[in-house]
Each structure stands twice: as C-alpha cells, then as structure tokens.
Amino acid sequence: GRSTPRFVRVVNALTQVCLVYRADRRAAPEVWFQDLACGWHYLAPSFTCYFRLAVAHLGVRGWQGCYAPCGADPVARQWMRLYCPERLHANDRAAEAAEAGG
C-alpha cells in the first residue's frame, strides 16, 4: 500500500526520524530512522513505543543508530557509555546475537 512519511526530528545534520502513515489510516504510524547511508530502519510500531525507547536511552542524541546495522556513531556511544551504559551493553549484545544468527 501507499505510505505517507511525516518527518518528526532531525537527529543530526544527516539523519532523521520519520513517522510513516500506512494507507490504512486507522493504524498507528510506524517510526523509522534514516541513517548516514540514507538507509531506512524500522524503530517502533507506534510513537508511544518510540517514546519509551527514547526514555530508556535517556534521549541521548543519536541513540536511534543502535537499531541500524551500522550502529550508533562514536559520539552517541560515548554519551551512552556515560549516561546509560546498561542500554549500550544491551544493544551491543543484541547486535552480536543478530550477527551470529540467533
């Protein structure tokens, strides 16, 4: 079906978060993240779920990169290491499991 994007937030000069409204207007908009390579990555099924993820990552700039294959940028990782190391560890373990196929 046809989708209509609505840009929510520019994460930095080159990346952004977008609400995608599907053709079925009754469904909640999905949240997607565009990385530096201009690839789109699914983040959450609704804005509420996205907001919960943002709170879990303490709103650190660039946390969305944790959900892209390239991972969070070095500056975001440094801030996460300081403010939410448990999320950084959990995201790293999930990425390792995905690479191992499990």
N, C-alpha and C. Protein backbone atom coordinates (compact mmCIF):
# COMPACT_ATOMS: atom_id res chain seq x y z
N GLY A 1 0.82 -1.18 0.00
CA GLY A 1 0.00 0.00 0.00
C GLY A 1 0.86 1.25 0.00
N ARG A 2 0.22 2.34 -0.15
CA ARG A 2 0.91 3.63 -0.19
C ARG A 2 1.18 4.13 1.22
N SER A 3 2.34 4.71 1.44
CA SER A 3 2.72 5.25 2.74
C SER A 3 2.99 6.74 2.61
N THR A 4 2.68 7.48 3.67
CA THR A 4 2.95 8.90 3.70
C THR A 4 3.88 9.20 4.86
N PRO A 5 5.11 9.67 4.59
CA PRO A 5 6.03 9.98 5.69
C PRO A 5 5.78 11.36 6.27
N ARG A 6 5.98 11.48 7.55
CA ARG A 6 5.94 12.77 8.25
C ARG A 6 7.22 12.82 9.08
N PHE A 7 8.08 13.78 8.80
CA PHE A 7 9.35 13.84 9.50
C PHE A 7 9.15 14.40 10.90
N VAL A 8 9.66 13.68 11.88
CA VAL A 8 9.48 14.03 13.28
C VAL A 8 10.64 14.87 13.78
N ARG A 9 11.85 14.38 13.56
CA ARG A 9 13.01 15.02 14.17
C ARG A 9 14.24 14.75 13.34
N VAL A 10 15.01 15.78 13.13
CA VAL A 10 16.32 15.59 12.52
C VAL A 10 17.26 15.29 13.67
N VAL A 11 17.87 14.10 13.65
CA VAL A 11 18.75 13.67 14.74
C VAL A 11 20.04 14.47 14.71
N ASN A 12 20.61 14.60 13.54
CA ASN A 12 21.75 15.50 13.34
C ASN A 12 21.65 15.98 11.89
N ALA A 13 22.68 16.57 11.35
CA ALA A 13 22.58 17.16 10.02
C ALA A 13 22.25 16.14 8.92
N LEU A 14 22.54 14.87 9.15
CA LEU A 14 22.37 13.88 8.08
C LEU A 14 21.39 12.75 8.38
N THR A 15 20.90 12.64 9.58
CA THR A 15 19.99 11.55 9.92
C THR A 15 18.67 12.12 10.43
N GLN A 16 17.61 11.32 10.32
CA GLN A 16 16.31 11.79 10.76
C GLN A 16 15.40 10.65 11.18
N VAL A 17 14.39 11.00 11.96
CA VAL A 17 13.37 10.07 12.40
C VAL A 17 12.07 10.48 11.71
N CYS A 18 11.31 9.49 11.28
CA CYS A 18 10.12 9.77 10.49
C CYS A 18 8.95 8.92 10.95
N LEU A 19 7.76 9.52 11.02
CA LEU A 19 6.52 8.77 11.22
C LEU A 19 6.02 8.37 9.85
N VAL A 20 5.70 7.10 9.66
CA VAL A 20 5.18 6.64 8.38
C VAL A 20 3.74 6.20 8.57
N TYR A 21 2.84 6.90 7.90
CA TYR A 21 1.42 6.57 7.93
C TYR A 21 1.12 5.64 6.77
N ARG A 22 0.62 4.45 7.05
CA ARG A 22 0.26 3.50 6.02
C ARG A 22 -1.07 3.92 5.39
N ALA A 23 -1.42 3.26 4.30
CA ALA A 23 -2.67 3.59 3.61
C ALA A 23 -3.87 3.43 4.53
N ASP A 24 -3.80 2.46 5.45
CA ASP A 24 -4.88 2.26 6.42
C ASP A 24 -4.72 3.28 7.53
N ARG A 25 -5.45 4.36 7.48
CA ARG A 25 -5.32 5.47 8.43
C ARG A 25 -5.70 5.09 9.86
N ARG A 26 -6.39 3.96 10.05
CA ARG A 26 -6.78 3.55 11.39
C ARG A 26 -5.59 3.04 12.20
N ALA A 27 -4.57 2.56 11.51
CA ALA A 27 -3.38 2.04 12.20
C ALA A 27 -2.50 3.19 12.68
N ALA A 28 -1.81 2.96 13.79
CA ALA A 28 -0.87 3.96 14.31
C ALA A 28 0.30 4.10 13.33
N PRO A 29 0.86 5.30 13.21
CA PRO A 29 2.02 5.45 12.32
C PRO A 29 3.24 4.73 12.89
N GLU A 30 4.02 4.12 12.01
CA GLU A 30 5.26 3.46 12.41
C GLU A 30 6.36 4.51 12.49
N VAL A 31 7.42 4.20 13.24
CA VAL A 31 8.54 5.13 13.36
C VAL A 31 9.77 4.48 12.71
N TRP A 32 10.39 5.21 11.80
CA TRP A 32 11.56 4.75 11.05
C TRP A 32 12.69 5.75 11.24
N PHE A 33 13.91 5.25 11.08
CA PHE A 33 15.13 6.05 11.25
C PHE A 33 15.94 5.98 9.96
N GLN A 34 16.40 7.13 9.47
CA GLN A 34 17.27 7.17 8.30
C GLN A 34 18.70 7.40 8.76
N ASP A 35 19.60 6.48 8.39
CA ASP A 35 21.00 6.59 8.83
C ASP A 35 21.83 7.42 7.86
N LEU A 36 23.12 7.49 8.13
CA LEU A 36 24.03 8.31 7.31
C LEU A 36 24.15 7.81 5.88
N ALA A 37 23.88 6.52 5.65
CA ALA A 37 23.95 5.96 4.31
C ALA A 37 22.61 6.10 3.58
N CYS A 38 21.69 6.84 4.18
CA CYS A 38 20.34 7.07 3.64
C CYS A 38 19.48 5.81 3.62
N GLY A 39 19.86 4.82 4.41
CA GLY A 39 19.04 3.62 4.55
C GLY A 39 17.99 3.84 5.63
N TRP A 40 16.81 3.26 5.45
CA TRP A 40 15.73 3.40 6.42
C TRP A 40 15.66 2.15 7.29
N HIS A 41 15.48 2.35 8.60
CA HIS A 41 15.44 1.25 9.56
C HIS A 41 14.23 1.41 10.48
N TYR A 42 13.49 0.35 10.62
CA TYR A 42 12.31 0.33 11.46
C TYR A 42 12.71 0.48 12.92
N LEU A 43 12.04 1.38 13.64
CA LEU A 43 12.33 1.58 15.06
C LEU A 43 11.20 1.09 15.96
N ALA A 44 9.95 1.43 15.63
CA ALA A 44 8.86 1.11 16.54
C ALA A 44 7.52 1.08 15.80
N PRO A 45 6.56 0.31 16.34
CA PRO A 45 5.24 0.23 15.69
C PRO A 45 4.36 1.46 15.94
N SER A 46 4.73 2.31 16.90
CA SER A 46 3.93 3.50 17.20
C SER A 46 4.82 4.56 17.85
N PHE A 47 4.30 5.78 17.91
CA PHE A 47 5.05 6.84 18.57
C PHE A 47 5.22 6.55 20.06
N THR A 48 4.22 5.94 20.68
CA THR A 48 4.31 5.61 22.10
C THR A 48 5.49 4.67 22.35
N CYS A 49 5.63 3.64 21.52
CA CYS A 49 6.76 2.71 21.69
C CYS A 49 8.08 3.41 21.42
N TYR A 50 8.10 4.29 20.42
CA TYR A 50 9.31 5.06 20.13
C TYR A 50 9.68 5.93 21.33
N PHE A 51 8.69 6.58 21.93
CA PHE A 51 8.95 7.45 23.07
C PHE A 51 9.50 6.64 24.24
N ARG A 52 8.98 5.44 24.45
CA ARG A 52 9.51 4.57 25.51
C ARG A 52 10.96 4.21 25.26
N LEU A 53 11.30 3.92 24.00
CA LEU A 53 12.70 3.65 23.67
C LEU A 53 13.57 4.88 23.94
N ALA A 54 13.06 6.06 23.57
CA ALA A 54 13.81 7.30 23.80
C ALA A 54 14.06 7.51 25.29
N VAL A 55 13.05 7.25 26.10
CA VAL A 55 13.21 7.40 27.55
C VAL A 55 14.22 6.38 28.08
N ALA A 56 14.15 5.13 27.61
CA ALA A 56 15.10 4.10 28.04
C ALA A 56 16.53 4.48 27.69
N HIS A 57 16.71 5.20 26.58
CA HIS A 57 18.05 5.66 26.16
C HIS A 57 18.35 7.06 26.66
N LEU A 58 17.49 7.57 27.56
CA LEU A 58 17.64 8.89 28.18
C LEU A 58 17.75 10.01 27.17
N GLY A 59 17.20 9.79 25.98
CA GLY A 59 17.19 10.83 24.96
C GLY A 59 18.55 11.22 24.43
N VAL A 60 19.55 10.37 24.63
CA VAL A 60 20.90 10.67 24.15
C VAL A 60 20.86 10.87 22.64
N ARG A 61 21.44 11.94 22.17
CA ARG A 61 21.46 12.23 20.74
C ARG A 61 22.08 11.07 19.96
N GLY A 62 21.36 10.60 18.97
CA GLY A 62 21.89 9.54 18.12
C GLY A 62 21.62 8.13 18.61
N TRP A 63 20.85 7.94 19.68
CA TRP A 63 20.58 6.59 20.18
C TRP A 63 19.90 5.72 19.12
N GLN A 64 19.19 6.33 18.19
CA GLN A 64 18.48 5.58 17.17
C GLN A 64 19.41 4.72 16.33
N GLY A 65 20.66 5.14 16.21
CA GLY A 65 21.64 4.37 15.45
C GLY A 65 21.87 2.98 16.00
N CYS A 66 21.55 2.76 17.26
CA CYS A 66 21.70 1.43 17.85
C CYS A 66 20.82 0.41 17.14
N TYR A 67 19.79 0.86 16.45
CA TYR A 67 18.85 -0.03 15.78
C TYR A 67 19.09 -0.11 14.28
N ALA A 68 20.22 0.38 13.83
CA ALA A 68 20.63 0.28 12.43
C ALA A 68 21.84 -0.66 12.36
N PRO A 69 22.03 -1.33 11.24
CA PRO A 69 23.17 -2.25 11.13
C PRO A 69 24.53 -1.61 11.39
N CYS A 70 24.68 -0.32 11.06
CA CYS A 70 25.97 0.34 11.28
C CYS A 70 26.19 0.70 12.74
N GLY A 71 25.13 0.69 13.56
CA GLY A 71 25.25 1.01 14.97
C GLY A 71 25.29 2.50 15.23
N ALA A 72 25.32 2.86 16.48
CA ALA A 72 25.37 4.27 16.88
C ALA A 72 26.73 4.85 16.54
N ASP A 73 26.74 6.13 16.24
CA ASP A 73 28.01 6.79 15.91
C ASP A 73 28.88 6.88 17.17
N PRO A 74 30.18 7.10 17.01
CA PRO A 74 31.09 7.12 18.17
C PRO A 74 30.72 8.14 19.24
N VAL A 75 30.23 9.29 18.85
CA VAL A 75 29.86 10.31 19.84
C VAL A 75 28.65 9.84 20.64
N ALA A 76 27.66 9.28 19.97
CA ALA A 76 26.47 8.76 20.67
C ALA A 76 26.88 7.64 21.62
N ARG A 77 27.77 6.76 21.17
CA ARG A 77 28.23 5.66 22.03
C ARG A 77 28.95 6.21 23.28
N GLN A 78 29.72 7.26 23.09
CA GLN A 78 30.42 7.85 24.23
C GLN A 78 29.42 8.42 25.25
N TRP A 79 28.40 9.13 24.77
CA TRP A 79 27.39 9.67 25.68
C TRP A 79 26.60 8.55 26.35
N MET A 80 26.29 7.51 25.58
CA MET A 80 25.56 6.38 26.17
C MET A 80 26.41 5.68 27.22
N ARG A 81 27.70 5.56 26.97
CA ARG A 81 28.60 4.94 27.94
C ARG A 81 28.57 5.71 29.26
N LEU A 82 28.40 7.02 29.18
CA LEU A 82 28.36 7.86 30.38
C LEU A 82 26.99 7.82 31.06
N TYR A 83 25.91 8.00 30.28
CA TYR A 83 24.58 8.18 30.87
C TYR A 83 23.72 6.92 30.96
N CYS A 84 23.87 6.00 30.01
CA CYS A 84 23.03 4.79 30.05
C CYS A 84 23.83 3.57 29.59
N PRO A 85 24.88 3.21 30.35
CA PRO A 85 25.74 2.10 29.94
C PRO A 85 24.99 0.77 29.82
N GLU A 86 23.94 0.59 30.63
CA GLU A 86 23.19 -0.67 30.55
C GLU A 86 22.48 -0.80 29.20
N ARG A 87 22.00 0.30 28.62
CA ARG A 87 21.35 0.25 27.30
C ARG A 87 22.39 -0.02 26.23
N LEU A 88 23.55 0.60 26.35
CA LEU A 88 24.62 0.37 25.37
C LEU A 88 25.02 -1.10 25.38
N HIS A 89 25.16 -1.67 26.56
CA HIS A 89 25.52 -3.08 26.69
C HIS A 89 24.43 -3.98 26.09
N ALA A 90 23.18 -3.69 26.41
CA ALA A 90 22.06 -4.49 25.88
C ALA A 90 22.00 -4.39 24.36
N ASN A 91 22.19 -3.19 23.81
CA ASN A 91 22.16 -3.02 22.36
C ASN A 91 23.32 -3.75 21.70
N ASP A 92 24.50 -3.69 22.31
CA ASP A 92 25.66 -4.40 21.75
C ASP A 92 25.44 -5.90 21.75
N ARG A 93 24.87 -6.43 22.83
CA ARG A 93 24.60 -7.88 22.92
C ARG A 93 23.57 -8.29 21.89
N ALA A 94 22.54 -7.48 21.67
CA ALA A 94 21.52 -7.79 20.66
C ALA A 94 22.13 -7.79 19.26
N ALA A 95 23.02 -6.83 18.99
CA ALA A 95 23.69 -6.76 17.69
C ALA A 95 24.59 -7.99 17.48
N GLU A 96 25.30 -8.41 18.52
CA GLU A 96 26.15 -9.60 18.42
C GLU A 96 25.30 -10.84 18.15
N ALA A 97 24.16 -10.96 18.81
CA ALA A 97 23.27 -12.11 18.61
C ALA A 97 22.73 -12.12 17.20
N ALA A 98 22.38 -10.95 16.67
CA ALA A 98 21.86 -10.86 15.31
C ALA A 98 22.92 -11.27 14.29
N GLU A 99 24.17 -10.86 14.53
CA GLU A 99 25.26 -11.23 13.64
C GLU A 99 25.53 -12.73 13.68
N ALA A 100 25.34 -13.33 14.84
CA ALA A 100 25.58 -14.77 14.99
C ALA A 100 24.40 -15.59 14.47
N GLY A 101 23.32 -14.88 14.07
CA GLY A 101 22.18 -15.59 13.53
C GLY A 101 21.21 -16.09 14.57
N GLY A 102 21.28 -15.53 15.77
CA GLY A 102 20.38 -16.02 16.80
C GLY A 102 19.79 -14.93 17.53
